[in-house]
Amino acid sequence: AKIVLDECLKILPDSKVPFNAYCLPIIEGYLKIGDTLSAQSVIKTLKENVYDELNYYSSLGDRYSNYLMYEKQLAFYVLDEIRRQAYYYKMNDLFAEIQEKMQQYAMALKLQLQ
């Protein structure tokens, strides 16, 4: 399984196709086989991509808020999935970081967390 996961990242690195929601199964695959270092590497890049997106959406202000609702929800979904995996695989620091970031972005973007 590790060979396949590594090959996925070799063929489609973040530099060619920025990591997004489609990387979540790769992260989970690494975690399931116990390769937390590879998982954390993908998580680091993915969460930075999502933070960049959310920072951009925040910078636009209220004027475009309704136009970007799907993109905001997708970004929060990705963060929530990372948070879920962090909880399940006992990555407590990552869990706390994502939890805090989600609250900050929810306030900045005027979204309600469930």
N, C-alpha and C. Protein backbone atom coordinates (compact mmCIF):
# COMPACT_ATOMS: atom_id res chain seq x y z
N ALA A 1 0.83 -1.20 0.00
CA ALA A 1 0.00 0.00 0.00
C ALA A 1 0.87 1.26 0.00
N LYS A 2 1.97 1.23 0.75
CA LYS A 2 2.85 2.39 0.81
C LYS A 2 3.41 2.73 -0.57
N ILE A 3 3.75 1.72 -1.35
CA ILE A 3 4.30 1.95 -2.69
C ILE A 3 3.29 2.70 -3.55
N VAL A 4 2.04 2.29 -3.46
CA VAL A 4 0.98 2.94 -4.24
C VAL A 4 0.78 4.38 -3.78
N LEU A 5 0.73 4.60 -2.48
CA LEU A 5 0.55 5.95 -1.95
C LEU A 5 1.71 6.86 -2.34
N ASP A 6 2.92 6.34 -2.21
CA ASP A 6 4.10 7.12 -2.61
C ASP A 6 4.05 7.46 -4.10
N GLU A 7 3.61 6.50 -4.91
CA GLU A 7 3.53 6.72 -6.35
C GLU A 7 2.50 7.81 -6.68
N CYS A 8 1.40 7.82 -5.95
CA CYS A 8 0.38 8.87 -6.15
C CYS A 8 1.00 10.25 -5.96
N LEU A 9 1.78 10.39 -4.91
CA LEU A 9 2.40 11.68 -4.62
C LEU A 9 3.52 12.00 -5.59
N LYS A 10 4.16 10.97 -6.11
CA LYS A 10 5.22 11.19 -7.09
C LYS A 10 4.63 11.68 -8.41
N ILE A 11 3.52 11.08 -8.81
CA ILE A 11 2.88 11.43 -10.08
C ILE A 11 2.19 12.79 -9.99
N LEU A 12 1.54 13.04 -8.85
CA LEU A 12 0.78 14.29 -8.68
C LEU A 12 1.25 15.03 -7.43
N PRO A 13 2.44 15.60 -7.46
CA PRO A 13 2.90 16.35 -6.29
C PRO A 13 2.14 17.68 -6.16
N ASP A 14 2.21 18.26 -5.00
CA ASP A 14 1.55 19.53 -4.75
C ASP A 14 2.00 20.61 -5.73
N SER A 15 3.23 20.53 -6.19
CA SER A 15 3.74 21.53 -7.12
C SER A 15 3.05 21.47 -8.49
N LYS A 16 2.49 20.32 -8.83
CA LYS A 16 1.77 20.20 -10.11
C LYS A 16 0.27 20.35 -9.93
N VAL A 17 -0.26 19.68 -8.94
CA VAL A 17 -1.69 19.74 -8.63
C VAL A 17 -1.79 20.03 -7.13
N PRO A 18 -2.11 21.27 -6.76
CA PRO A 18 -2.15 21.60 -5.33
C PRO A 18 -3.04 20.64 -4.54
N PHE A 19 -2.51 20.21 -3.40
CA PHE A 19 -3.25 19.28 -2.56
C PHE A 19 -4.57 19.90 -2.15
N ASN A 20 -5.62 19.08 -2.21
CA ASN A 20 -6.96 19.53 -1.87
C ASN A 20 -7.71 18.36 -1.23
N ALA A 21 -9.02 18.40 -1.24
CA ALA A 21 -9.83 17.37 -0.60
C ALA A 21 -9.54 15.97 -1.12
N TYR A 22 -9.07 15.87 -2.34
CA TYR A 22 -8.80 14.56 -2.92
C TYR A 22 -7.58 13.89 -2.29
N CYS A 23 -6.84 14.61 -1.50
CA CYS A 23 -5.68 14.03 -0.80
C CYS A 23 -6.06 13.37 0.52
N LEU A 24 -7.27 13.60 0.99
CA LEU A 24 -7.68 13.02 2.27
C LEU A 24 -7.56 11.50 2.31
N PRO A 25 -7.96 10.77 1.25
CA PRO A 25 -7.77 9.31 1.30
C PRO A 25 -6.29 8.90 1.33
N ILE A 26 -5.44 9.69 0.73
CA ILE A 26 -4.00 9.39 0.77
C ILE A 26 -3.50 9.53 2.21
N ILE A 27 -3.91 10.58 2.87
CA ILE A 27 -3.52 10.78 4.27
C ILE A 27 -4.02 9.61 5.11
N GLU A 28 -5.27 9.26 4.92
CA GLU A 28 -5.84 8.16 5.71
C GLU A 28 -5.13 6.85 5.40
N GLY A 29 -4.77 6.65 4.14
CA GLY A 29 -4.04 5.44 3.77
C GLY A 29 -2.71 5.35 4.51
N TYR A 30 -1.96 6.44 4.51
CA TYR A 30 -0.70 6.45 5.25
C TYR A 30 -0.92 6.18 6.73
N LEU A 31 -1.94 6.79 7.31
CA LEU A 31 -2.20 6.58 8.73
C LEU A 31 -2.59 5.13 9.02
N LYS A 32 -3.38 4.54 8.15
CA LYS A 32 -3.80 3.15 8.37
C LYS A 32 -2.64 2.17 8.33
N ILE A 33 -1.61 2.47 7.52
CA ILE A 33 -0.46 1.56 7.47
C ILE A 33 0.61 1.96 8.48
N GLY A 34 0.35 2.99 9.26
CA GLY A 34 1.26 3.39 10.32
C GLY A 34 2.38 4.30 9.90
N ASP A 35 2.31 4.86 8.71
CA ASP A 35 3.33 5.77 8.22
C ASP A 35 2.92 7.21 8.54
N THR A 36 3.06 7.57 9.81
CA THR A 36 2.60 8.89 10.25
C THR A 36 3.48 10.01 9.69
N LEU A 37 4.75 9.73 9.43
CA LEU A 37 5.62 10.78 8.88
C LEU A 37 5.15 11.21 7.49
N SER A 38 4.83 10.25 6.65
CA SER A 38 4.33 10.59 5.31
C SER A 38 2.98 11.29 5.41
N ALA A 39 2.12 10.79 6.29
CA ALA A 39 0.80 11.41 6.48
C ALA A 39 0.96 12.84 6.94
N GLN A 40 1.84 13.08 7.91
CA GLN A 40 2.03 14.43 8.43
C GLN A 40 2.61 15.37 7.37
N SER A 41 3.43 14.84 6.49
CA SER A 41 3.98 15.65 5.42
C SER A 41 2.88 16.14 4.48
N VAL A 42 1.97 15.23 4.11
CA VAL A 42 0.85 15.60 3.25
C VAL A 42 -0.10 16.54 3.99
N ILE A 43 -0.36 16.24 5.25
CA ILE A 43 -1.24 17.09 6.07
C ILE A 43 -0.69 18.50 6.14
N LYS A 44 0.61 18.63 6.37
CA LYS A 44 1.22 19.96 6.48
C LYS A 44 0.96 20.78 5.22
N THR A 45 1.21 20.18 4.07
CA THR A 45 1.00 20.89 2.81
C THR A 45 -0.47 21.19 2.58
N LEU A 46 -1.32 20.21 2.81
CA LEU A 46 -2.75 20.37 2.59
C LEU A 46 -3.32 21.46 3.49
N LYS A 47 -2.98 21.43 4.76
CA LYS A 47 -3.56 22.45 5.66
C LYS A 47 -3.07 23.84 5.30
N GLU A 48 -1.81 23.97 4.87
CA GLU A 48 -1.32 25.28 4.45
C GLU A 48 -2.07 25.76 3.21
N ASN A 49 -2.36 24.87 2.29
CA ASN A 49 -3.15 25.24 1.10
C ASN A 49 -4.53 25.73 1.52
N VAL A 50 -5.16 25.03 2.45
CA VAL A 50 -6.50 25.41 2.91
C VAL A 50 -6.44 26.73 3.67
N TYR A 51 -5.44 26.90 4.51
CA TYR A 51 -5.30 28.18 5.23
C TYR A 51 -5.14 29.33 4.23
N ASP A 52 -4.33 29.11 3.19
CA ASP A 52 -4.16 30.16 2.17
C ASP A 52 -5.49 30.50 1.50
N GLU A 53 -6.27 29.46 1.17
CA GLU A 53 -7.58 29.70 0.55
C GLU A 53 -8.47 30.51 1.48
N LEU A 54 -8.54 30.09 2.74
CA LEU A 54 -9.42 30.77 3.69
C LEU A 54 -8.95 32.19 3.97
N ASN A 55 -7.64 32.40 3.98
CA ASN A 55 -7.13 33.77 4.13
C ASN A 55 -7.57 34.64 2.95
N TYR A 56 -7.51 34.06 1.78
CA TYR A 56 -7.95 34.80 0.59
C TYR A 56 -9.44 35.13 0.68
N TYR A 57 -10.26 34.14 1.03
CA TYR A 57 -11.70 34.39 1.14
C TYR A 57 -11.98 35.45 2.20
N SER A 58 -11.24 35.41 3.29
CA SER A 58 -11.42 36.41 4.35
C SER A 58 -11.07 37.80 3.86
N SER A 59 -10.07 37.90 2.99
CA SER A 59 -9.60 39.20 2.52
C SER A 59 -10.61 39.87 1.59
N LEU A 60 -11.53 39.12 1.04
CA LEU A 60 -12.49 39.67 0.09
C LEU A 60 -13.60 40.46 0.75
N GLY A 61 -13.83 40.21 2.01
CA GLY A 61 -14.88 40.92 2.72
C GLY A 61 -16.26 40.38 2.40
N ASP A 62 -17.27 41.12 2.82
CA ASP A 62 -18.65 40.66 2.72
C ASP A 62 -19.21 40.70 1.30
N ARG A 63 -18.63 41.52 0.46
CA ARG A 63 -19.19 41.73 -0.87
C ARG A 63 -19.32 40.43 -1.67
N TYR A 64 -18.34 39.55 -1.56
CA TYR A 64 -18.34 38.30 -2.33
C TYR A 64 -18.68 37.08 -1.49
N SER A 65 -19.09 37.32 -0.28
CA SER A 65 -19.31 36.24 0.67
C SER A 65 -20.23 35.14 0.16
N ASN A 66 -21.37 35.52 -0.39
CA ASN A 66 -22.33 34.51 -0.85
C ASN A 66 -21.86 33.74 -2.08
N TYR A 67 -21.01 34.36 -2.88
CA TYR A 67 -20.54 33.71 -4.09
C TYR A 67 -19.56 32.57 -3.80
N LEU A 68 -18.94 32.61 -2.64
CA LEU A 68 -17.89 31.66 -2.31
C LEU A 68 -18.32 30.64 -1.26
N MET A 69 -19.60 30.51 -1.02
CA MET A 69 -20.06 29.63 0.06
C MET A 69 -19.61 28.18 -0.15
N TYR A 70 -19.72 27.67 -1.37
CA TYR A 70 -19.30 26.28 -1.62
C TYR A 70 -17.82 26.09 -1.32
N GLU A 71 -16.98 27.03 -1.78
CA GLU A 71 -15.55 26.93 -1.56
C GLU A 71 -15.20 26.98 -0.08
N LYS A 72 -15.89 27.84 0.66
CA LYS A 72 -15.67 27.93 2.10
C LYS A 72 -16.07 26.63 2.79
N GLN A 73 -17.22 26.09 2.39
CA GLN A 73 -17.69 24.84 3.00
C GLN A 73 -16.73 23.70 2.70
N LEU A 74 -16.21 23.66 1.49
CA LEU A 74 -15.26 22.61 1.12
C LEU A 74 -13.98 22.75 1.93
N ALA A 75 -13.50 23.96 2.11
CA ALA A 75 -12.29 24.18 2.91
C ALA A 75 -12.52 23.73 4.35
N PHE A 76 -13.69 24.04 4.90
CA PHE A 76 -13.99 23.61 6.26
C PHE A 76 -14.15 22.10 6.35
N TYR A 77 -14.70 21.49 5.32
CA TYR A 77 -14.80 20.04 5.28
C TYR A 77 -13.41 19.41 5.35
N VAL A 78 -12.46 19.94 4.58
CA VAL A 78 -11.10 19.41 4.58
C VAL A 78 -10.49 19.55 5.97
N LEU A 79 -10.62 20.73 6.57
CA LEU A 79 -10.08 20.92 7.92
C LEU A 79 -10.75 19.99 8.92
N ASP A 80 -12.05 19.80 8.79
CA ASP A 80 -12.76 18.91 9.70
C ASP A 80 -12.30 17.46 9.54
N GLU A 81 -12.03 17.04 8.33
CA GLU A 81 -11.53 15.68 8.10
C GLU A 81 -10.13 15.51 8.67
N ILE A 82 -9.28 16.52 8.52
CA ILE A 82 -7.95 16.45 9.13
C ILE A 82 -8.09 16.38 10.65
N ARG A 83 -8.99 17.18 11.18
CA ARG A 83 -9.24 17.18 12.63
C ARG A 83 -9.73 15.81 13.10
N ARG A 84 -10.62 15.21 12.33
CA ARG A 84 -11.14 13.88 12.68
C ARG A 84 -10.03 12.85 12.69
N GLN A 85 -9.20 12.88 11.66
CA GLN A 85 -8.09 11.93 11.59
C GLN A 85 -7.09 12.18 12.72
N ALA A 86 -6.84 13.43 13.04
CA ALA A 86 -5.93 13.75 14.14
C ALA A 86 -6.47 13.20 15.45
N TYR A 87 -7.76 13.31 15.66
CA TYR A 87 -8.38 12.77 16.87
C TYR A 87 -8.27 11.25 16.91
N TYR A 88 -8.63 10.62 15.80
CA TYR A 88 -8.65 9.16 15.74
C TYR A 88 -7.26 8.56 15.92
N TYR A 89 -6.26 9.21 15.31
CA TYR A 89 -4.89 8.69 15.36
C TYR A 89 -4.06 9.37 16.45
N LYS A 90 -4.74 10.03 17.37
CA LYS A 90 -4.15 10.61 18.57
C LYS A 90 -2.98 11.57 18.28
N MET A 91 -3.21 12.44 17.31
CA MET A 91 -2.26 13.52 17.03
C MET A 91 -2.82 14.77 17.69
N ASN A 92 -2.63 14.85 19.00
CA ASN A 92 -3.30 15.85 19.82
C ASN A 92 -2.93 17.28 19.46
N ASP A 93 -1.67 17.54 19.15
CA ASP A 93 -1.26 18.90 18.79
C ASP A 93 -1.94 19.35 17.50
N LEU A 94 -1.98 18.46 16.53
CA LEU A 94 -2.64 18.77 15.26
C LEU A 94 -4.13 18.99 15.48
N PHE A 95 -4.75 18.15 16.28
CA PHE A 95 -6.18 18.30 16.59
C PHE A 95 -6.45 19.69 17.17
N ALA A 96 -5.64 20.08 18.16
CA ALA A 96 -5.84 21.38 18.81
C ALA A 96 -5.62 22.53 17.82
N GLU A 97 -4.60 22.41 16.97
CA GLU A 97 -4.33 23.46 15.98
C GLU A 97 -5.50 23.63 15.03
N ILE A 98 -6.00 22.52 14.50
CA ILE A 98 -7.10 22.59 13.53
C ILE A 98 -8.36 23.12 14.20
N GLN A 99 -8.61 22.67 15.41
CA GLN A 99 -9.77 23.14 16.17
C GLN A 99 -9.73 24.67 16.31
N GLU A 100 -8.58 25.18 16.70
CA GLU A 100 -8.42 26.62 16.89
C GLU A 100 -8.56 27.37 15.56
N LYS A 101 -7.93 26.87 14.51
CA LYS A 101 -8.00 27.53 13.20
C LYS A 101 -9.44 27.55 12.68
N MET A 102 -10.16 26.46 12.87
CA MET A 102 -11.54 26.42 12.39
C MET A 102 -12.39 27.49 13.10
N GLN A 103 -12.17 27.65 14.39
CA GLN A 103 -12.91 28.67 15.12
C GLN A 103 -12.54 30.08 14.65
N GLN A 104 -11.24 30.30 14.43
CA GLN A 104 -10.79 31.61 13.96
C GLN A 104 -11.39 31.94 12.59
N TYR A 105 -11.32 30.98 11.68
CA TYR A 105 -11.84 31.22 10.33
C TYR A 105 -13.36 31.35 10.34
N ALA A 106 -14.03 30.59 11.19
CA ALA A 106 -15.48 30.71 11.27
C ALA A 106 -15.88 32.12 11.70
N MET A 107 -15.15 32.67 12.63
CA MET A 107 -15.44 34.05 13.07
C MET A 107 -15.11 35.04 11.95
N ALA A 108 -13.97 34.87 11.31
CA ALA A 108 -13.54 35.80 10.26
C ALA A 108 -14.48 35.78 9.06
N LEU A 109 -15.00 34.59 8.76
CA LEU A 109 -15.86 34.43 7.58
C LEU A 109 -17.35 34.45 7.93
N LYS A 110 -17.62 34.64 9.21
CA LYS A 110 -19.01 34.69 9.69
C LYS A 110 -19.77 33.41 9.35
N LEU A 111 -19.11 32.28 9.65
CA LEU A 111 -19.73 30.96 9.43
C LEU A 111 -20.02 30.34 10.78
N GLN A 112 -21.00 29.46 10.81
CA GLN A 112 -21.30 28.75 12.05
C GLN A 112 -20.78 27.32 11.93
N LEU A 113 -20.04 26.90 12.96
CA LEU A 113 -19.56 25.53 13.01
C LEU A 113 -20.64 24.65 13.63
N GLN A 114 -20.70 23.43 13.14
CA GLN A 114 -21.71 22.51 13.70
C GLN A 114 -21.07 21.61 14.71
